[in-house]
Amino acid sequence: MVGLKFLVTQPVLLLSFAVDLIAMVFAMPRALFPAVAEDRFGGPTAVGWLFSAIAIGSLLGGLTSGWISRVRRQGIALIVAVVGWGVAIALSGLAHQLWLAVLLLAVAGAADLVSAVYRQTIMQTFAPDRLRGRLQGVFTVVVAGGPRLGDLRAGATAQFTGVGASWVGGGLVAAALALVLALAFPALIRYRPVPEPVEKAER
């Protein structure tokens, strides 16, 4: 409870958690992969590629992530990454070639990696030492619980709208909600990390 009470007093930190929940709940299509693989891409081999594509993108994003530390407008970068995730997920849901779907899911995975780096950085910046463990616990709940809720959302929506609409619509809704939230509460857009003192950076 102490960590949650602190969290609601920090708009930038709270918004960084909120946009991640939006991204995962509305634009996580994993529950739909088996149905799409069977109907569109021909079966079991496609399932493996679909399930691994986001992780492949995250791995490649991590291997090429040196530029991330040089970005000063980290709040805007976080929003762009979340919107990029949603748009890439939506486009992957429209793909009718397996290679294209895998490529777009990999792009989404890379965007999610960028988002995760900035969210972790923001949390470490705002969390005082005495609350860092508790806020890390909240962070873990969001990271672990968001995709599970996304699986539930995707499956439940597909029952009424169809698999394709659930997949594509979820990505578009996530991108739109992230933009709306950022514009309605601009603290995250304005966020920039405080530069380290020169003598500290040189140690």
N, C-alpha and C. Protein backbone atom coordinates (compact mmCIF):
# COMPACT_ATOMS: atom_id res chain seq x y z
N MET A 1 0.82 -1.21 0.00
CA MET A 1 0.00 0.00 0.00
C MET A 1 0.86 1.26 0.00
N VAL A 2 1.99 1.23 0.71
CA VAL A 2 2.86 2.40 0.76
C VAL A 2 3.35 2.75 -0.64
N GLY A 3 3.75 1.71 -1.40
CA GLY A 3 4.22 1.94 -2.76
C GLY A 3 3.13 2.52 -3.64
N LEU A 4 1.90 2.01 -3.51
CA LEU A 4 0.79 2.52 -4.32
C LEU A 4 0.45 3.96 -3.95
N LYS A 5 0.50 4.26 -2.66
CA LYS A 5 0.22 5.64 -2.23
C LYS A 5 1.24 6.61 -2.79
N PHE A 6 2.50 6.18 -2.81
CA PHE A 6 3.52 7.03 -3.41
C PHE A 6 3.31 7.16 -4.91
N LEU A 7 2.95 6.08 -5.55
CA LEU A 7 2.79 6.06 -7.00
C LEU A 7 1.77 7.09 -7.48
N VAL A 8 0.65 7.22 -6.77
CA VAL A 8 -0.39 8.14 -7.22
C VAL A 8 0.00 9.60 -7.04
N THR A 9 1.09 9.86 -6.33
CA THR A 9 1.56 11.24 -6.17
C THR A 9 2.59 11.63 -7.22
N GLN A 10 2.95 10.68 -8.09
CA GLN A 10 3.98 10.91 -9.10
C GLN A 10 3.37 10.74 -10.49
N PRO A 11 2.88 11.82 -11.10
CA PRO A 11 2.17 11.70 -12.38
C PRO A 11 2.97 11.03 -13.49
N VAL A 12 4.24 11.36 -13.62
CA VAL A 12 5.05 10.78 -14.70
C VAL A 12 5.17 9.27 -14.50
N LEU A 13 5.47 8.86 -13.29
CA LEU A 13 5.61 7.44 -13.00
C LEU A 13 4.29 6.70 -13.18
N LEU A 14 3.22 7.30 -12.70
CA LEU A 14 1.90 6.68 -12.83
C LEU A 14 1.50 6.54 -14.29
N LEU A 15 1.76 7.57 -15.08
CA LEU A 15 1.42 7.53 -16.50
C LEU A 15 2.26 6.49 -17.24
N SER A 16 3.52 6.32 -16.84
CA SER A 16 4.35 5.30 -17.49
C SER A 16 3.79 3.90 -17.24
N PHE A 17 3.26 3.66 -16.05
CA PHE A 17 2.62 2.39 -15.76
C PHE A 17 1.33 2.24 -16.56
N ALA A 18 0.57 3.36 -16.65
CA ALA A 18 -0.73 3.31 -17.33
C ALA A 18 -0.59 3.00 -18.81
N VAL A 19 0.38 3.62 -19.48
CA VAL A 19 0.52 3.38 -20.92
C VAL A 19 0.96 1.94 -21.19
N ASP A 20 1.75 1.37 -20.27
CA ASP A 20 2.14 -0.03 -20.45
C ASP A 20 0.94 -0.95 -20.30
N LEU A 21 0.08 -0.69 -19.32
CA LEU A 21 -1.13 -1.49 -19.18
C LEU A 21 -2.02 -1.39 -20.42
N ILE A 22 -2.14 -0.18 -20.94
CA ILE A 22 -2.93 0.01 -22.16
C ILE A 22 -2.36 -0.83 -23.30
N ALA A 23 -1.03 -0.76 -23.47
CA ALA A 23 -0.39 -1.49 -24.56
C ALA A 23 -0.60 -2.99 -24.44
N MET A 24 -0.46 -3.52 -23.23
CA MET A 24 -0.55 -4.96 -23.05
C MET A 24 -2.00 -5.47 -23.05
N VAL A 25 -2.89 -4.74 -22.41
CA VAL A 25 -4.29 -5.21 -22.31
C VAL A 25 -4.99 -5.15 -23.66
N PHE A 26 -4.76 -4.08 -24.41
CA PHE A 26 -5.51 -3.90 -25.65
C PHE A 26 -4.80 -4.45 -26.88
N ALA A 27 -3.47 -4.60 -26.83
CA ALA A 27 -2.75 -4.95 -28.07
C ALA A 27 -1.86 -6.17 -27.92
N MET A 28 -2.19 -7.08 -27.02
CA MET A 28 -1.43 -8.32 -26.93
C MET A 28 -2.22 -9.42 -27.64
N PRO A 29 -1.79 -9.86 -28.83
CA PRO A 29 -2.60 -10.78 -29.63
C PRO A 29 -2.26 -12.26 -29.46
N ARG A 30 -1.45 -12.62 -28.47
CA ARG A 30 -0.94 -14.00 -28.39
C ARG A 30 -2.05 -15.05 -28.35
N ALA A 31 -3.14 -14.76 -27.67
CA ALA A 31 -4.20 -15.76 -27.57
C ALA A 31 -4.80 -16.09 -28.93
N LEU A 32 -4.59 -15.22 -29.90
CA LEU A 32 -5.16 -15.41 -31.23
C LEU A 32 -4.21 -16.12 -32.19
N PHE A 33 -2.96 -16.32 -31.81
CA PHE A 33 -1.98 -16.89 -32.72
C PHE A 33 -2.38 -18.28 -33.25
N PRO A 34 -2.83 -19.19 -32.40
CA PRO A 34 -3.18 -20.52 -32.96
C PRO A 34 -4.27 -20.47 -34.01
N ALA A 35 -5.31 -19.67 -33.77
CA ALA A 35 -6.41 -19.58 -34.73
C ALA A 35 -5.95 -18.95 -36.04
N VAL A 36 -5.16 -17.89 -35.95
CA VAL A 36 -4.67 -17.22 -37.16
C VAL A 36 -3.70 -18.12 -37.92
N ALA A 37 -2.84 -18.82 -37.19
CA ALA A 37 -1.90 -19.73 -37.85
C ALA A 37 -2.64 -20.81 -38.63
N GLU A 38 -3.70 -21.33 -38.06
CA GLU A 38 -4.46 -22.39 -38.72
C GLU A 38 -5.24 -21.87 -39.91
N ASP A 39 -5.90 -20.73 -39.76
CA ASP A 39 -6.78 -20.21 -40.80
C ASP A 39 -6.03 -19.50 -41.93
N ARG A 40 -4.90 -18.87 -41.58
CA ARG A 40 -4.26 -17.98 -42.54
C ARG A 40 -2.90 -18.46 -43.03
N PHE A 41 -2.16 -19.16 -42.16
CA PHE A 41 -0.77 -19.47 -42.48
C PHE A 41 -0.45 -20.96 -42.56
N GLY A 42 -1.43 -21.80 -42.37
CA GLY A 42 -1.22 -23.22 -42.67
C GLY A 42 -0.81 -24.14 -41.56
N GLY A 43 -0.87 -23.71 -40.29
CA GLY A 43 -0.70 -24.70 -39.25
C GLY A 43 0.39 -24.51 -38.23
N PRO A 44 0.88 -25.62 -37.66
CA PRO A 44 1.74 -25.60 -36.48
C PRO A 44 3.05 -24.82 -36.63
N THR A 45 3.70 -24.91 -37.77
CA THR A 45 4.96 -24.19 -37.93
C THR A 45 4.76 -22.70 -37.78
N ALA A 46 3.66 -22.20 -38.33
CA ALA A 46 3.36 -20.78 -38.23
C ALA A 46 3.13 -20.36 -36.79
N VAL A 47 2.53 -21.22 -35.98
CA VAL A 47 2.30 -20.89 -34.57
C VAL A 47 3.62 -20.58 -33.88
N GLY A 48 4.62 -21.42 -34.12
CA GLY A 48 5.93 -21.21 -33.52
C GLY A 48 6.53 -19.87 -33.91
N TRP A 49 6.44 -19.53 -35.18
CA TRP A 49 6.98 -18.25 -35.64
C TRP A 49 6.23 -17.08 -35.03
N LEU A 50 4.93 -17.17 -34.95
CA LEU A 50 4.15 -16.07 -34.38
C LEU A 50 4.47 -15.87 -32.90
N PHE A 51 4.56 -16.97 -32.16
CA PHE A 51 4.85 -16.85 -30.74
C PHE A 51 6.26 -16.32 -30.46
N SER A 52 7.19 -16.59 -31.36
CA SER A 52 8.58 -16.17 -31.13
C SER A 52 8.88 -14.79 -31.70
N ALA A 53 8.02 -14.26 -32.57
CA ALA A 53 8.35 -13.04 -33.31
C ALA A 53 8.57 -11.84 -32.39
N ILE A 54 7.71 -11.64 -31.40
CA ILE A 54 7.85 -10.49 -30.51
C ILE A 54 9.16 -10.58 -29.74
N ALA A 55 9.48 -11.79 -29.28
CA ALA A 55 10.74 -11.98 -28.55
C ALA A 55 11.95 -11.74 -29.45
N ILE A 56 11.86 -12.16 -30.70
CA ILE A 56 12.95 -11.90 -31.65
C ILE A 56 13.17 -10.40 -31.81
N GLY A 57 12.08 -9.67 -31.95
CA GLY A 57 12.19 -8.21 -32.06
C GLY A 57 12.79 -7.58 -30.82
N SER A 58 12.39 -8.06 -29.64
CA SER A 58 12.95 -7.53 -28.40
C SER A 58 14.45 -7.81 -28.31
N LEU A 59 14.85 -9.02 -28.72
CA LEU A 59 16.28 -9.36 -28.70
C LEU A 59 17.07 -8.46 -29.63
N LEU A 60 16.59 -8.30 -30.85
CA LEU A 60 17.29 -7.44 -31.80
C LEU A 60 17.29 -5.99 -31.33
N GLY A 61 16.16 -5.57 -30.73
CA GLY A 61 16.11 -4.22 -30.19
C GLY A 61 17.13 -4.02 -29.08
N GLY A 62 17.29 -5.03 -28.22
CA GLY A 62 18.27 -4.93 -27.16
C GLY A 62 19.70 -4.88 -27.67
N LEU A 63 19.99 -5.64 -28.73
CA LEU A 63 21.34 -5.66 -29.29
C LEU A 63 21.70 -4.35 -29.97
N THR A 64 20.70 -3.56 -30.34
CA THR A 64 20.96 -2.29 -31.04
C THR A 64 20.47 -1.10 -30.22
N SER A 65 20.46 -1.23 -28.89
CA SER A 65 19.80 -0.24 -28.04
C SER A 65 20.72 0.86 -27.53
N GLY A 66 21.94 0.95 -28.03
CA GLY A 66 22.86 1.96 -27.53
C GLY A 66 22.35 3.38 -27.68
N TRP A 67 21.56 3.64 -28.70
CA TRP A 67 21.04 4.98 -28.95
C TRP A 67 20.03 5.44 -27.90
N ILE A 68 19.44 4.49 -27.18
CA ILE A 68 18.34 4.84 -26.26
C ILE A 68 18.80 5.83 -25.19
N SER A 69 20.01 5.67 -24.69
CA SER A 69 20.50 6.54 -23.62
C SER A 69 20.75 7.96 -24.07
N ARG A 70 20.84 8.17 -25.37
CA ARG A 70 21.13 9.51 -25.89
C ARG A 70 19.87 10.34 -26.12
N VAL A 71 18.70 9.75 -25.94
CA VAL A 71 17.44 10.47 -26.14
C VAL A 71 17.13 11.29 -24.89
N ARG A 72 16.89 12.58 -25.06
CA ARG A 72 16.61 13.45 -23.92
C ARG A 72 15.12 13.55 -23.64
N ARG A 73 14.29 13.56 -24.66
CA ARG A 73 12.84 13.67 -24.45
C ARG A 73 12.27 12.27 -24.23
N GLN A 74 12.58 11.71 -23.06
CA GLN A 74 12.26 10.32 -22.82
C GLN A 74 10.75 10.08 -22.67
N GLY A 75 10.02 11.07 -22.19
CA GLY A 75 8.57 10.92 -22.10
C GLY A 75 7.94 10.77 -23.47
N ILE A 76 8.33 11.62 -24.39
CA ILE A 76 7.82 11.53 -25.75
C ILE A 76 8.27 10.22 -26.39
N ALA A 77 9.52 9.83 -26.15
CA ALA A 77 10.04 8.58 -26.71
C ALA A 77 9.23 7.39 -26.22
N LEU A 78 8.83 7.41 -24.95
CA LEU A 78 8.01 6.33 -24.41
C LEU A 78 6.66 6.27 -25.10
N ILE A 79 6.03 7.41 -25.28
CA ILE A 79 4.73 7.44 -25.97
C ILE A 79 4.86 6.96 -27.40
N VAL A 80 5.91 7.40 -28.09
CA VAL A 80 6.13 6.97 -29.48
C VAL A 80 6.32 5.45 -29.53
N ALA A 81 7.05 4.90 -28.56
CA ALA A 81 7.28 3.45 -28.54
C ALA A 81 5.98 2.69 -28.33
N VAL A 82 5.13 3.18 -27.42
CA VAL A 82 3.85 2.51 -27.16
C VAL A 82 2.93 2.61 -28.36
N VAL A 83 2.88 3.79 -28.98
CA VAL A 83 2.06 3.95 -30.18
C VAL A 83 2.61 3.07 -31.30
N GLY A 84 3.94 3.02 -31.43
CA GLY A 84 4.56 2.16 -32.44
C GLY A 84 4.21 0.70 -32.21
N TRP A 85 4.21 0.27 -30.96
CA TRP A 85 3.79 -1.09 -30.62
C TRP A 85 2.38 -1.35 -31.13
N GLY A 86 1.44 -0.46 -30.79
CA GLY A 86 0.04 -0.66 -31.18
C GLY A 86 -0.15 -0.70 -32.68
N VAL A 87 0.50 0.23 -33.38
CA VAL A 87 0.37 0.29 -34.84
C VAL A 87 0.98 -0.95 -35.49
N ALA A 88 2.16 -1.38 -35.02
CA ALA A 88 2.80 -2.56 -35.58
C ALA A 88 1.95 -3.82 -35.34
N ILE A 89 1.35 -3.91 -34.16
CA ILE A 89 0.46 -5.04 -33.87
C ILE A 89 -0.73 -5.02 -34.81
N ALA A 90 -1.33 -3.85 -34.99
CA ALA A 90 -2.49 -3.75 -35.88
C ALA A 90 -2.13 -4.15 -37.31
N LEU A 91 -1.00 -3.67 -37.81
CA LEU A 91 -0.59 -4.01 -39.18
C LEU A 91 -0.28 -5.50 -39.31
N SER A 92 0.31 -6.09 -38.26
CA SER A 92 0.61 -7.52 -38.33
C SER A 92 -0.68 -8.34 -38.41
N GLY A 93 -1.74 -7.84 -37.83
CA GLY A 93 -3.02 -8.53 -37.91
C GLY A 93 -3.64 -8.49 -39.28
N LEU A 94 -3.18 -7.57 -40.11
CA LEU A 94 -3.69 -7.47 -41.49
C LEU A 94 -2.86 -8.29 -42.48
N ALA A 95 -1.68 -8.75 -42.04
CA ALA A 95 -0.76 -9.45 -42.95
C ALA A 95 -1.31 -10.83 -43.33
N HIS A 96 -1.16 -11.18 -44.60
CA HIS A 96 -1.57 -12.50 -45.08
C HIS A 96 -0.38 -13.33 -45.56
N GLN A 97 0.83 -12.82 -45.33
CA GLN A 97 2.05 -13.59 -45.55
C GLN A 97 2.72 -13.78 -44.20
N LEU A 98 3.15 -14.99 -43.90
CA LEU A 98 3.73 -15.26 -42.59
C LEU A 98 4.95 -14.40 -42.33
N TRP A 99 5.83 -14.26 -43.33
CA TRP A 99 7.05 -13.50 -43.12
C TRP A 99 6.74 -12.05 -42.75
N LEU A 100 5.69 -11.49 -43.36
CA LEU A 100 5.33 -10.10 -43.07
C LEU A 100 4.75 -9.97 -41.66
N ALA A 101 3.92 -10.92 -41.28
CA ALA A 101 3.37 -10.90 -39.93
C ALA A 101 4.48 -11.01 -38.88
N VAL A 102 5.43 -11.91 -39.13
CA VAL A 102 6.55 -12.08 -38.20
C VAL A 102 7.39 -10.81 -38.13
N LEU A 103 7.65 -10.20 -39.28
CA LEU A 103 8.43 -8.96 -39.32
C LEU A 103 7.76 -7.86 -38.52
N LEU A 104 6.45 -7.69 -38.72
CA LEU A 104 5.73 -6.62 -38.01
C LEU A 104 5.64 -6.91 -36.52
N LEU A 105 5.47 -8.16 -36.14
CA LEU A 105 5.48 -8.51 -34.72
C LEU A 105 6.85 -8.27 -34.11
N ALA A 106 7.91 -8.51 -34.89
CA ALA A 106 9.26 -8.22 -34.41
C ALA A 106 9.45 -6.73 -34.20
N VAL A 107 8.92 -5.92 -35.11
CA VAL A 107 8.96 -4.46 -34.93
C VAL A 107 8.25 -4.07 -33.64
N ALA A 108 7.10 -4.69 -33.40
CA ALA A 108 6.37 -4.44 -32.16
C ALA A 108 7.21 -4.83 -30.95
N GLY A 109 7.90 -5.97 -31.03
CA GLY A 109 8.75 -6.40 -29.93
C GLY A 109 9.87 -5.43 -29.65
N ALA A 110 10.48 -4.88 -30.71
CA ALA A 110 11.54 -3.88 -30.54
C ALA A 110 10.99 -2.62 -29.88
N ALA A 111 9.80 -2.20 -30.30
CA ALA A 111 9.17 -1.03 -29.68
C ALA A 111 8.87 -1.28 -28.21
N ASP A 112 8.46 -2.49 -27.88
CA ASP A 112 8.18 -2.83 -26.49
C ASP A 112 9.46 -2.82 -25.67
N LEU A 113 10.56 -3.24 -26.24
CA LEU A 113 11.84 -3.20 -25.54
C LEU A 113 12.22 -1.76 -25.22
N VAL A 114 12.06 -0.86 -26.19
CA VAL A 114 12.35 0.55 -25.96
C VAL A 114 11.45 1.10 -24.85
N SER A 115 10.18 0.78 -24.92
CA SER A 115 9.24 1.21 -23.89
C SER A 115 9.66 0.70 -22.52
N ALA A 116 10.06 -0.56 -22.44
CA ALA A 116 10.44 -1.14 -21.15
C ALA A 116 11.66 -0.44 -20.56
N VAL A 117 12.63 -0.10 -21.41
CA VAL A 117 13.83 0.58 -20.92
C VAL A 117 13.47 1.93 -20.32
N TYR A 118 12.64 2.70 -21.03
CA TYR A 118 12.28 4.02 -20.52
C TYR A 118 11.42 3.93 -19.27
N ARG A 119 10.51 2.95 -19.21
CA ARG A 119 9.68 2.80 -18.02
C ARG A 119 10.52 2.43 -16.81
N GLN A 120 11.48 1.53 -17.00
CA GLN A 120 12.36 1.14 -15.90
C GLN A 120 13.21 2.32 -15.46
N THR A 121 13.70 3.10 -16.42
CA THR A 121 14.52 4.27 -16.09
C THR A 121 13.71 5.29 -15.31
N ILE A 122 12.48 5.54 -15.75
CA ILE A 122 11.62 6.50 -15.05
C ILE A 122 11.36 6.03 -13.63
N MET A 123 11.10 4.74 -13.45
CA MET A 123 10.83 4.23 -12.12
C MET A 123 12.05 4.39 -11.22
N GLN A 124 13.23 4.07 -11.73
CA GLN A 124 14.44 4.20 -10.93
C GLN A 124 14.73 5.66 -10.59
N THR A 125 14.34 6.57 -11.48
CA THR A 125 14.58 7.98 -11.25
C THR A 125 13.66 8.53 -10.16
N PHE A 126 12.40 8.15 -10.18
CA PHE A 126 11.42 8.73 -9.27
C PHE A 126 11.33 8.01 -7.94
N ALA A 127 11.71 6.75 -7.89
CA ALA A 127 11.54 5.97 -6.66
C ALA A 127 12.64 6.30 -5.66
N PRO A 128 12.29 6.74 -4.45
CA PRO A 128 13.31 6.91 -3.41
C PRO A 128 13.84 5.54 -2.98
N ASP A 129 15.02 5.54 -2.41
CA ASP A 129 15.65 4.27 -2.03
C ASP A 129 14.76 3.42 -1.14
N ARG A 130 14.06 4.04 -0.21
CA ARG A 130 13.26 3.28 0.76
C ARG A 130 12.04 2.62 0.12
N LEU A 131 11.62 3.08 -1.09
CA LEU A 131 10.43 2.54 -1.75
C LEU A 131 10.75 1.82 -3.05
N ARG A 132 12.02 1.75 -3.40
CA ARG A 132 12.36 1.19 -4.71
C ARG A 132 11.93 -0.28 -4.84
N GLY A 133 12.10 -1.04 -3.79
CA GLY A 133 11.68 -2.45 -3.83
C GLY A 133 10.18 -2.59 -3.99
N ARG A 134 9.42 -1.77 -3.27
CA ARG A 134 7.96 -1.86 -3.36
C ARG A 134 7.46 -1.42 -4.73
N LEU A 135 8.06 -0.38 -5.28
CA LEU A 135 7.64 0.05 -6.61
C LEU A 135 8.08 -0.94 -7.68
N GLN A 136 9.21 -1.60 -7.45
CA GLN A 136 9.61 -2.66 -8.37
C GLN A 136 8.58 -3.79 -8.35
N GLY A 137 8.01 -4.04 -7.16
CA GLY A 137 6.95 -5.04 -7.06
C GLY A 137 5.73 -4.65 -7.86
N VAL A 138 5.33 -3.38 -7.79
CA VAL A 138 4.20 -2.90 -8.60
C VAL A 138 4.53 -3.02 -10.08
N PHE A 139 5.76 -2.66 -10.43
CA PHE A 139 6.21 -2.76 -11.81
C PHE A 139 6.11 -4.20 -12.31
N THR A 140 6.52 -5.13 -11.47
CA THR A 140 6.47 -6.55 -11.84
C THR A 140 5.04 -7.02 -12.04
N VAL A 141 4.14 -6.57 -11.18
CA VAL A 141 2.72 -6.93 -11.32
C VAL A 141 2.18 -6.42 -12.65
N VAL A 142 2.52 -5.18 -13.00
CA VAL A 142 2.05 -4.60 -14.26
C VAL A 142 2.62 -5.38 -15.45
N VAL A 143 3.93 -5.66 -15.41
CA VAL A 143 4.58 -6.35 -16.53
C VAL A 143 4.07 -7.78 -16.69
N ALA A 144 3.85 -8.46 -15.56
CA ALA A 144 3.40 -9.85 -15.62
C ALA A 144 1.90 -9.96 -15.83
N GLY A 145 1.14 -9.07 -15.22
CA GLY A 145 -0.32 -9.17 -15.29
C GLY A 145 -0.93 -8.59 -16.55
N GLY A 146 -0.30 -7.53 -17.09
CA GLY A 146 -0.85 -6.89 -18.28
C GLY A 146 -1.03 -7.83 -19.46
N PRO A 147 0.00 -8.61 -19.84
CA PRO A 147 -0.17 -9.53 -20.96
C PRO A 147 -1.22 -10.60 -20.72
N ARG A 148 -1.36 -11.06 -19.45
CA ARG A 148 -2.40 -12.07 -19.16
C ARG A 148 -3.79 -11.47 -19.35
N LEU A 149 -3.97 -10.22 -18.92
CA LEU A 149 -5.24 -9.55 -19.16
C LEU A 149 -5.45 -9.32 -20.65
N GLY A 150 -4.34 -9.08 -21.37
CA GLY A 150 -4.43 -8.94 -22.82
C GLY A 150 -4.89 -10.21 -23.50
N ASP A 151 -4.41 -11.35 -23.00
CA ASP A 151 -4.88 -12.64 -23.54
C ASP A 151 -6.39 -12.78 -23.34
N LEU A 152 -6.85 -12.42 -22.15
CA LEU A 152 -8.28 -12.50 -21.86
C LEU A 152 -9.07 -11.57 -22.76
N ARG A 153 -8.57 -10.34 -22.90
CA ARG A 153 -9.26 -9.36 -23.75
C ARG A 153 -9.34 -9.84 -25.20
N ALA A 154 -8.21 -10.34 -25.72
CA ALA A 154 -8.17 -10.78 -27.11
C ALA A 154 -9.14 -11.92 -27.37
N GLY A 155 -9.12 -12.92 -26.49
CA GLY A 155 -10.01 -14.06 -26.68
C GLY A 155 -11.48 -13.69 -26.54
N ALA A 156 -11.79 -12.87 -25.54
CA ALA A 156 -13.18 -12.49 -25.31
C ALA A 156 -13.70 -11.63 -26.45
N THR A 157 -12.86 -10.71 -26.94
CA THR A 157 -13.29 -9.85 -28.04
C THR A 157 -13.47 -10.64 -29.32
N ALA A 158 -12.56 -11.60 -29.57
CA ALA A 158 -12.64 -12.40 -30.80
C ALA A 158 -13.94 -13.19 -30.87
N GLN A 159 -14.48 -13.55 -29.72
CA GLN A 159 -15.72 -14.31 -29.70
C GLN A 159 -16.88 -13.53 -30.32
N PHE A 160 -16.81 -12.19 -30.21
CA PHE A 160 -17.90 -11.36 -30.70
C PHE A 160 -17.58 -10.66 -32.02
N THR A 161 -16.31 -10.33 -32.24
CA THR A 161 -15.96 -9.54 -33.43
C THR A 161 -15.22 -10.34 -34.49
N GLY A 162 -14.72 -11.52 -34.13
CA GLY A 162 -13.87 -12.28 -35.02
C GLY A 162 -12.41 -12.07 -34.67
N VAL A 163 -11.58 -13.01 -35.07
CA VAL A 163 -10.17 -12.99 -34.71
C VAL A 163 -9.46 -11.78 -35.30
N GLY A 164 -9.67 -11.53 -36.58
CA GLY A 164 -8.97 -10.42 -37.23
C GLY A 164 -9.31 -9.08 -36.62
N ALA A 165 -10.57 -8.83 -36.36
CA ALA A 165 -10.99 -7.56 -35.77
C ALA A 165 -10.45 -7.39 -34.37
N SER A 166 -10.42 -8.48 -33.61
CA SER A 166 -9.87 -8.42 -32.25
C SER A 166 -8.40 -8.06 -32.28
N TRP A 167 -7.66 -8.67 -33.20
CA TRP A 167 -6.22 -8.42 -33.32
C TRP A 167 -5.94 -7.00 -33.78
N VAL A 168 -6.51 -6.62 -34.92
CA VAL A 168 -6.23 -5.30 -35.50
C VAL A 168 -6.83 -4.19 -34.63
N GLY A 169 -8.07 -4.38 -34.22
CA GLY A 169 -8.73 -3.36 -33.42
C GLY A 169 -8.03 -3.11 -32.10
N GLY A 170 -7.53 -4.17 -31.47
CA GLY A 170 -6.81 -4.00 -30.22
C GLY A 170 -5.58 -3.13 -30.37
N GLY A 171 -4.82 -3.35 -31.44
CA GLY A 171 -3.64 -2.53 -31.67
C GLY A 171 -3.98 -1.07 -31.90
N LEU A 172 -5.02 -0.83 -32.68
CA LEU A 172 -5.42 0.56 -32.96
C LEU A 172 -5.94 1.25 -31.70
N VAL A 173 -6.72 0.52 -30.91
CA VAL A 173 -7.25 1.10 -29.67
C VAL A 173 -6.11 1.44 -28.71
N ALA A 174 -5.12 0.55 -28.60
CA ALA A 174 -3.98 0.81 -27.72
C ALA A 174 -3.23 2.07 -28.15
N ALA A 175 -2.96 2.20 -29.45
CA ALA A 175 -2.25 3.38 -29.95
C ALA A 175 -3.05 4.64 -29.69
N ALA A 176 -4.35 4.59 -29.94
CA ALA A 176 -5.20 5.77 -29.75
C ALA A 176 -5.29 6.15 -28.28
N LEU A 177 -5.49 5.17 -27.41
CA LEU A 177 -5.62 5.47 -25.98
C LEU A 177 -4.32 6.02 -25.41
N ALA A 178 -3.18 5.51 -25.86
CA ALA A 178 -1.90 6.04 -25.39
C ALA A 178 -1.74 7.50 -25.77
N LEU A 179 -2.13 7.84 -27.00
CA LEU A 179 -2.06 9.24 -27.43
C LEU A 179 -3.01 10.12 -26.65
N VAL A 180 -4.23 9.66 -26.46
CA VAL A 180 -5.22 10.43 -25.71
C VAL A 180 -4.75 10.67 -24.29
N LEU A 181 -4.24 9.63 -23.65
CA LEU A 181 -3.77 9.76 -22.27
C LEU A 181 -2.61 10.74 -22.18
N ALA A 182 -1.69 10.66 -23.14
CA ALA A 182 -0.54 11.55 -23.13
C ALA A 182 -0.95 13.00 -23.33
N LEU A 183 -1.93 13.24 -24.20
CA LEU A 183 -2.38 14.61 -24.46
C LEU A 183 -3.23 15.15 -23.32
N ALA A 184 -4.00 14.27 -22.70
CA ALA A 184 -4.86 14.71 -21.59
C ALA A 184 -4.05 15.01 -20.34
N PHE A 185 -2.95 14.28 -20.14
CA PHE A 185 -2.10 14.47 -18.97
C PHE A 185 -0.66 14.64 -19.46
N PRO A 186 -0.28 15.87 -19.82
CA PRO A 186 0.99 16.09 -20.53
C PRO A 186 2.25 15.99 -19.68
N ALA A 187 2.13 15.61 -18.42
CA ALA A 187 3.34 15.51 -17.59
C ALA A 187 4.35 14.54 -18.19
N LEU A 188 3.86 13.45 -18.77
CA LEU A 188 4.78 12.47 -19.36
C LEU A 188 5.43 13.03 -20.62
N ILE A 189 4.69 13.76 -21.42
CA ILE A 189 5.26 14.35 -22.63
C ILE A 189 6.38 15.33 -22.28
N ARG A 190 6.20 16.05 -21.19
CA ARG A 190 7.19 17.07 -20.81
C ARG A 190 8.40 16.48 -20.10
N TYR A 191 8.33 15.22 -19.74
CA TYR A 191 9.39 14.64 -18.90
C TYR A 191 10.71 14.54 -19.64
N ARG A 192 11.77 15.01 -18.97
CA ARG A 192 13.15 14.80 -19.40
C ARG A 192 13.96 14.42 -18.18
N PRO A 193 14.90 13.50 -18.31
CA PRO A 193 15.73 13.15 -17.15
C PRO A 193 16.64 14.30 -16.78
N VAL A 194 16.94 14.41 -15.49
CA VAL A 194 17.86 15.44 -15.02
C VAL A 194 19.28 15.01 -15.36
N PRO A 195 20.05 15.86 -16.05
CA PRO A 195 21.43 15.47 -16.40
C PRO A 195 22.26 15.21 -15.16
N GLU A 196 23.13 14.20 -15.23
CA GLU A 196 24.04 13.92 -14.12
C GLU A 196 25.12 15.00 -14.04
N PRO A 197 25.56 15.33 -12.83
CA PRO A 197 26.69 16.26 -12.70
C PRO A 197 27.91 15.71 -13.44
N VAL A 198 28.70 16.61 -14.00
CA VAL A 198 29.84 16.20 -14.81
C VAL A 198 30.80 15.35 -14.00
N GLU A 199 31.09 15.77 -12.73
CA GLU A 199 32.07 15.02 -11.95
C GLU A 199 31.57 13.62 -11.63
N LYS A 200 30.23 13.45 -11.45
CA LYS A 200 29.67 12.13 -11.17
C LYS A 200 29.74 11.25 -12.40
N ALA A 201 29.44 11.84 -13.59
CA ALA A 201 29.44 11.08 -14.83
C ALA A 201 30.84 10.58 -15.18
N GLU A 202 31.88 11.32 -14.73
CA GLU A 202 33.25 10.96 -15.10
C GLU A 202 33.82 9.87 -14.23
N ARG A 203 33.20 9.55 -13.11
CA ARG A 203 33.72 8.53 -12.20
C ARG A 203 33.62 7.14 -12.79
